[in-house]
């Protein structure tokens, strides 16, 4: 029997239920009906917390950005230079490997949506802070951040989709990619 109201249900709880569905079944499985079933309410009750499935997807994307920021910050805290870049790259890849479907919900351009701009800026700041150790600021830091993001996102996304089918060790390939990336940074 499905209850029509659950005390204590909040927007955060709805987002968490959505993330769980995405983790277990993939992003395409996310529907308001699935979230309602997971949270034990009737689907119309969710509208007290989210206006639509599109809004829920945006909120999930914002939460993913927050989670990535928390993880990446912990990884680079107390590190600098090449050590910080390497830690950031490992933390990024590990996040994608652990949560490939969840990662896929992160907005590609978070800074231009008011609902994801703040968490997007905080994530960007982690990259910029790491790159300040190389004297990179302003546009140079943005260009380098884009390159770093493209490298890690590309590798991790290909890996998550099973695109590296040859038997050579992926950790060794990634170590080479890190060395190449670090070598490209200004000295």
C-alpha atoms as a PDB file:
ATOM      1  CA  UNK A   1       0.000   0.000   0.000  1.00  0.00           C
ATOM      2  CA  UNK A   2       1.456   3.340  -1.061  1.00  0.00           C
ATOM      3  CA  UNK A   3       1.134   6.187   1.388  1.00  0.00           C
ATOM      4  CA  UNK A   4       0.098   9.540   0.015  1.00  0.00           C
ATOM      5  CA  UNK A   5       2.286  11.538   2.410  1.00  0.00           C
ATOM      6  CA  UNK A   6       5.444  10.776   4.281  1.00  0.00           C
ATOM      7  CA  UNK A   7       6.423  12.959   7.206  1.00  0.00           C
ATOM      8  CA  UNK A   8       9.886  14.396   6.839  1.00  0.00           C
ATOM      9  CA  UNK A   9      10.081  14.144   3.074  1.00  0.00           C
ATOM     10  CA  UNK A  10      12.144  17.044   1.802  1.00  0.00           C
ATOM     11  CA  UNK A  11      13.635  18.232  -1.451  1.00  0.00           C
ATOM     12  CA  UNK A  12      16.998  16.833  -0.310  1.00  0.00           C
ATOM     13  CA  UNK A  13      15.398  13.433   0.347  1.00  0.00           C
ATOM     14  CA  UNK A  14      13.765  13.476  -3.082  1.00  0.00           C
ATOM     15  CA  UNK A  15      17.129  14.303  -4.693  1.00  0.00           C
ATOM     16  CA  UNK A  16      18.816  11.515  -2.731  1.00  0.00           C
ATOM     17  CA  UNK A  17      16.152   9.030  -3.840  1.00  0.00           C
ATOM     18  CA  UNK A  18      16.694  10.145  -7.431  1.00  0.00           C
ATOM     19  CA  UNK A  19      20.477   9.660  -7.097  1.00  0.00           C
ATOM     20  CA  UNK A  20      19.914   6.165  -5.734  1.00  0.00           C
ATOM     21  CA  UNK A  21      17.681   5.274  -8.679  1.00  0.00           C
ATOM     22  CA  UNK A  22      20.277   6.652 -11.092  1.00  0.00           C
ATOM     23  CA  UNK A  23      23.075   4.696  -9.374  1.00  0.00           C
ATOM     24  CA  UNK A  24      21.115   1.458  -9.410  1.00  0.00           C
ATOM     25  CA  UNK A  25      19.346   1.643 -12.777  1.00  0.00           C
ATOM     26  CA  UNK A  26      20.871   4.469 -14.824  1.00  0.00           C
ATOM     27  CA  UNK A  27      19.743   7.989 -15.630  1.00  0.00           C
ATOM     28  CA  UNK A  28      17.027   6.817 -18.033  1.00  0.00           C
ATOM     29  CA  UNK A  29      15.263   5.049 -15.163  1.00  0.00           C
ATOM     30  CA  UNK A  30      14.692   8.340 -13.328  1.00  0.00           C
ATOM     31  CA  UNK A  31      11.000   9.186 -13.367  1.00  0.00           C
ATOM     32  CA  UNK A  32       8.790  10.901 -10.835  1.00  0.00           C
ATOM     33  CA  UNK A  33       6.867   7.642 -10.465  1.00  0.00           C
ATOM     34  CA  UNK A  34      10.081   5.794  -9.582  1.00  0.00           C
ATOM     35  CA  UNK A  35      11.022   8.466  -7.023  1.00  0.00           C
ATOM     36  CA  UNK A  36       7.523   8.375  -5.554  1.00  0.00           C
ATOM     37  CA  UNK A  37       7.733   4.617  -5.177  1.00  0.00           C
ATOM     38  CA  UNK A  38      11.206   4.854  -3.615  1.00  0.00           C
ATOM     39  CA  UNK A  39      10.076   7.510  -1.122  1.00  0.00           C
ATOM     40  CA  UNK A  40       6.724   5.901  -0.323  1.00  0.00           C
ATOM     41  CA  UNK A  41       4.493   8.733  -1.519  1.00  0.00           C
ATOM     42  CA  UNK A  42       2.053   9.281  -4.353  1.00  0.00           C
ATOM     43  CA  UNK A  43       3.675  10.961  -7.346  1.00  0.00           C
ATOM     44  CA  UNK A  44       1.640  14.190  -6.988  1.00  0.00           C
ATOM     45  CA  UNK A  45       3.114  14.618  -3.486  1.00  0.00           C
ATOM     46  CA  UNK A  46       6.548  15.122  -5.046  1.00  0.00           C
ATOM     47  CA  UNK A  47       5.378  18.429  -6.541  1.00  0.00           C
ATOM     48  CA  UNK A  48       5.625  19.911  -3.050  1.00  0.00           C
ATOM     49  CA  UNK A  49       9.376  19.420  -3.391  1.00  0.00           C
ATOM     50  CA  UNK A  50      10.189  19.578  -7.118  1.00  0.00           C
ATOM     51  CA  UNK A  51       8.262  21.235  -9.924  1.00  0.00           C
ATOM     52  CA  UNK A  52       9.022  18.688 -12.628  1.00  0.00           C
ATOM     53  CA  UNK A  53      11.270  15.849 -13.686  1.00  0.00           C
ATOM     54  CA  UNK A  54      13.482  18.390 -15.473  1.00  0.00           C
ATOM     55  CA  UNK A  55      13.885  20.352 -12.240  1.00  0.00           C
ATOM     56  CA  UNK A  56      14.696  17.153 -10.359  1.00  0.00           C
ATOM     57  CA  UNK A  57      17.376  16.295 -12.918  1.00  0.00           C
ATOM     58  CA  UNK A  58      18.860  19.773 -12.478  1.00  0.00           C
ATOM     59  CA  UNK A  59      18.851  19.395  -8.697  1.00  0.00           C
ATOM     60  CA  UNK A  60      20.546  16.010  -8.997  1.00  0.00           C
ATOM     61  CA  UNK A  61      23.168  17.579 -11.284  1.00  0.00           C
ATOM     62  CA  UNK A  62      23.777  20.347  -8.747  1.00  0.00           C
ATOM     63  CA  UNK A  63      24.160  17.780  -5.967  1.00  0.00           C
ATOM     64  CA  UNK A  64      26.648  15.815  -8.075  1.00  0.00           C
ATOM     65  CA  UNK A  65      28.710  18.989  -8.562  1.00  0.00           C
ATOM     66  CA  UNK A  66      28.661  19.563  -4.797  1.00  0.00           C
ATOM     67  CA  UNK A  67      29.727  15.987  -4.149  1.00  0.00           C
ATOM     68  CA  UNK A  68      32.558  16.212  -6.682  1.00  0.00           C
ATOM     69  CA  UNK A  69      33.715  19.487  -5.121  1.00  0.00           C
ATOM     70  CA  UNK A  70      33.777  17.925  -1.660  1.00  0.00           C
ATOM     71  CA  UNK A  71      35.732  14.911  -2.861  1.00  0.00           C
ATOM     72  CA  UNK A  72      38.196  16.873  -4.997  1.00  0.00           C
ATOM     73  CA  UNK A  73      38.801  19.391  -2.225  1.00  0.00           C
ATOM     74  CA  UNK A  74      39.650  16.600   0.213  1.00  0.00           C
ATOM     75  CA  UNK A  75      41.991  15.071  -2.373  1.00  0.00           C
ATOM     76  CA  UNK A  76      44.018  18.238  -2.967  1.00  0.00           C
ATOM     77  CA  UNK A  77      43.959  19.686   0.546  1.00  0.00           C
ATOM     78  CA  UNK A  78      47.521  20.218   1.756  1.00  0.00           C
ATOM     79  CA  UNK A  79      48.998  19.442  -1.654  1.00  0.00           C
ATOM     80  CA  UNK A  80      50.481  21.710  -4.264  1.00  0.00           C
ATOM     81  CA  UNK A  81      51.989  21.660  -7.720  1.00  0.00           C
ATOM     82  CA  UNK A  82      52.279  18.342  -9.530  1.00  0.00           C
ATOM     83  CA  UNK A  83      51.159  16.438  -6.435  1.00  0.00           C
ATOM     84  CA  UNK A  84      47.892  18.421  -6.323  1.00  0.00           C
ATOM     85  CA  UNK A  85      47.232  17.939 -10.041  1.00  0.00           C
ATOM     86  CA  UNK A  86      47.859  14.205  -9.747  1.00  0.00           C
ATOM     87  CA  UNK A  87      45.562  13.950  -6.702  1.00  0.00           C
ATOM     88  CA  UNK A  88      42.853  15.921  -8.506  1.00  0.00           C
ATOM     89  CA  UNK A  89      43.087  13.736 -11.593  1.00  0.00           C
ATOM     90  CA  UNK A  90      42.895  10.544  -9.520  1.00  0.00           C
ATOM     91  CA  UNK A  91      39.954  11.830  -7.482  1.00  0.00           C
ATOM     92  CA  UNK A  92      38.104  12.784 -10.666  1.00  0.00           C
ATOM     93  CA  UNK A  93      38.650   9.408 -12.337  1.00  0.00           C
ATOM     94  CA  UNK A  94      37.752   7.538  -9.157  1.00  0.00           C
ATOM     95  CA  UNK A  95      34.494   9.468  -8.860  1.00  0.00           C
ATOM     96  CA  UNK A  96      33.482   8.605 -12.418  1.00  0.00           C
ATOM     97  CA  UNK A  97      34.426   4.940 -11.946  1.00  0.00           C
ATOM     98  CA  UNK A  98      32.430   4.709  -8.718  1.00  0.00           C
ATOM     99  CA  UNK A  99      29.385   6.636  -9.987  1.00  0.00           C
ATOM    100  CA  UNK A 100      29.289   6.565 -13.805  1.00  0.00           C
ATOM    101  CA  UNK A 101      25.537   7.092 -14.148  1.00  0.00           C
ATOM    102  CA  UNK A 102      25.473   9.757 -11.456  1.00  0.00           C
ATOM    103  CA  UNK A 103      28.443  11.532 -13.061  1.00  0.00           C
ATOM    104  CA  UNK A 104      26.592  11.579 -16.385  1.00  0.00           C
ATOM    105  CA  UNK A 105      23.917  13.758 -14.758  1.00  0.00           C
ATOM    106  CA  UNK A 106      26.385  16.562 -14.012  1.00  0.00           C
ATOM    107  CA  UNK A 107      25.639  19.504 -16.294  1.00  0.00           C
ATOM    108  CA  UNK A 108      28.192  20.088 -19.039  1.00  0.00           C
ATOM    109  CA  UNK A 109      27.953  23.864 -18.546  1.00  0.00           C
ATOM    110  CA  UNK A 110      26.887  24.452 -14.975  1.00  0.00           C
ATOM    111  CA  UNK A 111      27.810  28.120 -14.869  1.00  0.00           C
ATOM    112  CA  UNK A 112      25.001  29.283 -17.162  1.00  0.00           C
ATOM    113  CA  UNK A 113      22.072  27.830 -15.244  1.00  0.00           C
ATOM    114  CA  UNK A 114      21.186  29.758 -12.078  1.00  0.00           C
ATOM    115  CA  UNK A 115      20.312  26.505 -10.298  1.00  0.00           C
ATOM    116  CA  UNK A 116      23.764  24.992 -10.887  1.00  0.00           C
ATOM    117  CA  UNK A 117      25.950  28.096 -11.136  1.00  0.00           C
ATOM    118  CA  UNK A 118      26.988  28.242  -7.461  1.00  0.00           C
ATOM    119  CA  UNK A 119      28.066  24.589  -7.184  1.00  0.00           C
ATOM    120  CA  UNK A 120      29.664  24.884 -10.629  1.00  0.00           C
ATOM    121  CA  UNK A 121      31.728  27.879  -9.490  1.00  0.00           C
ATOM    122  CA  UNK A 122      32.833  26.048  -6.345  1.00  0.00           C
ATOM    123  CA  UNK A 123      34.015  23.094  -8.432  1.00  0.00           C
ATOM    124  CA  UNK A 124      35.807  25.434 -10.821  1.00  0.00           C
ATOM    125  CA  UNK A 125      37.523  27.078  -7.853  1.00  0.00           C
ATOM    126  CA  UNK A 126      39.102  23.753  -6.855  1.00  0.00           C
ATOM    127  CA  UNK A 127      40.762  23.536 -10.264  1.00  0.00           C
ATOM    128  CA  UNK A 128      41.799  27.192 -10.200  1.00  0.00           C
ATOM    129  CA  UNK A 129      43.286  26.843  -6.726  1.00  0.00           C
ATOM    130  CA  UNK A 130      45.404  23.892  -7.856  1.00  0.00           C
ATOM    131  CA  UNK A 131      46.592  25.805 -10.917  1.00  0.00           C
ATOM    132  CA  UNK A 132      47.566  28.911  -8.946  1.00  0.00           C
ATOM    133  CA  UNK A 133      50.574  26.890  -7.810  1.00  0.00           C
ATOM    134  CA  UNK A 134      51.828  27.181 -11.394  1.00  0.00           C
ATOM    135  CA  UNK A 135      51.279  30.919 -11.524  1.00  0.00           C
ATOM    136  CA  UNK A 136      48.215  30.456 -13.728  1.00  0.00           C
ATOM    137  CA  UNK A 137      45.510  33.059 -13.262  1.00  0.00           C
ATOM    138  CA  UNK A 138      42.750  34.708 -15.299  1.00  0.00           C
ATOM    139  CA  UNK A 139      42.357  33.362 -18.853  1.00  0.00           C
ATOM    140  CA  UNK A 140      45.452  31.166 -18.686  1.00  0.00           C
ATOM    141  CA  UNK A 141      43.954  29.359 -15.697  1.00  0.00           C
ATOM    142  CA  UNK A 142      40.599  28.949 -17.457  1.00  0.00           C
ATOM    143  CA  UNK A 143      42.220  27.510 -20.590  1.00  0.00           C
ATOM    144  CA  UNK A 144      44.295  25.099 -18.515  1.00  0.00           C
ATOM    145  CA  UNK A 145      41.259  24.090 -16.447  1.00  0.00           C
ATOM    146  CA  UNK A 146      39.373  23.304 -19.648  1.00  0.00           C
ATOM    147  CA  UNK A 147      42.272  21.184 -20.885  1.00  0.00           C
ATOM    148  CA  UNK A 148      42.567  19.346 -17.582  1.00  0.00           C
ATOM    149  CA  UNK A 149      38.826  18.714 -17.461  1.00  0.00           C
ATOM    150  CA  UNK A 150      38.771  17.493 -21.068  1.00  0.00           C
ATOM    151  CA  UNK A 151      41.631  15.074 -20.442  1.00  0.00           C
ATOM    152  CA  UNK A 152      40.155  13.531 -17.301  1.00  0.00           C
ATOM    153  CA  UNK A 153      36.537  13.582 -18.469  1.00  0.00           C
ATOM    154  CA  UNK A 154      37.507  12.009 -21.774  1.00  0.00           C
ATOM    155  CA  UNK A 155      39.518   9.187 -20.242  1.00  0.00           C
ATOM    156  CA  UNK A 156      37.062   8.488 -17.424  1.00  0.00           C
ATOM    157  CA  UNK A 157      34.022   8.601 -19.708  1.00  0.00           C
ATOM    158  CA  UNK A 158      35.589   6.241 -22.233  1.00  0.00           C
ATOM    159  CA  UNK A 159      36.610   3.919 -19.405  1.00  0.00           C
ATOM    160  CA  UNK A 160      33.134   4.010 -17.826  1.00  0.00           C
ATOM    161  CA  UNK A 161      31.515   3.103 -21.140  1.00  0.00           C
ATOM    162  CA  UNK A 162      33.860   0.153 -21.669  1.00  0.00           C
ATOM    163  CA  UNK A 163      35.662   1.830 -24.547  1.00  0.00           C
ATOM    164  CA  UNK A 164      39.145   0.596 -23.683  1.00  0.00           C
ATOM    165  CA  UNK A 165      38.892  -3.010 -24.789  1.00  0.00           C
ATOM    166  CA  UNK A 166      42.553  -3.881 -25.242  1.00  0.00           C
ATOM    167  CA  UNK A 167      44.283  -5.825 -22.465  1.00  0.00           C
ATOM    168  CA  UNK A 168      46.900  -3.212 -21.509  1.00  0.00           C
ATOM    169  CA  UNK A 169      46.539  -1.998 -17.928  1.00  0.00           C
ATOM    170  CA  UNK A 170      44.312   1.082 -17.678  1.00  0.00           C
ATOM    171  CA  UNK A 171      46.041   2.301 -14.534  1.00  0.00           C
ATOM    172  CA  UNK A 172      49.333   2.413 -16.438  1.00  0.00           C
ATOM    173  CA  UNK A 173      47.666   4.286 -19.290  1.00  0.00           C
ATOM    174  CA  UNK A 174      46.210   6.767 -16.819  1.00  0.00           C
ATOM    175  CA  UNK A 175      49.583   7.193 -15.110  1.00  0.00           C
ATOM    176  CA  UNK A 176      51.052   8.063 -18.523  1.00  0.00           C
ATOM    177  CA  UNK A 177      48.227  10.531 -19.115  1.00  0.00           C
ATOM    178  CA  UNK A 178      48.906  12.181 -15.764  1.00  0.00           C
ATOM    179  CA  UNK A 179      52.623  12.456 -16.560  1.00  0.00           C
ATOM    180  CA  UNK A 180      51.841  13.990 -19.958  1.00  0.00           C
ATOM    181  CA  UNK A 181      49.407  16.444 -18.417  1.00  0.00           C
ATOM    182  CA  UNK A 182      51.745  17.487 -15.623  1.00  0.00           C
ATOM    183  CA  UNK A 183      54.629  17.893 -18.090  1.00  0.00           C
ATOM    184  CA  UNK A 184      52.489  20.314 -20.123  1.00  0.00           C
ATOM    185  CA  UNK A 185      52.033  22.703 -17.195  1.00  0.00           C
ATOM    186  CA  UNK A 186      54.269  25.786 -16.927  1.00  0.00           C
ATOM    187  CA  UNK A 187      57.396  25.532 -14.816  1.00  0.00           C
END
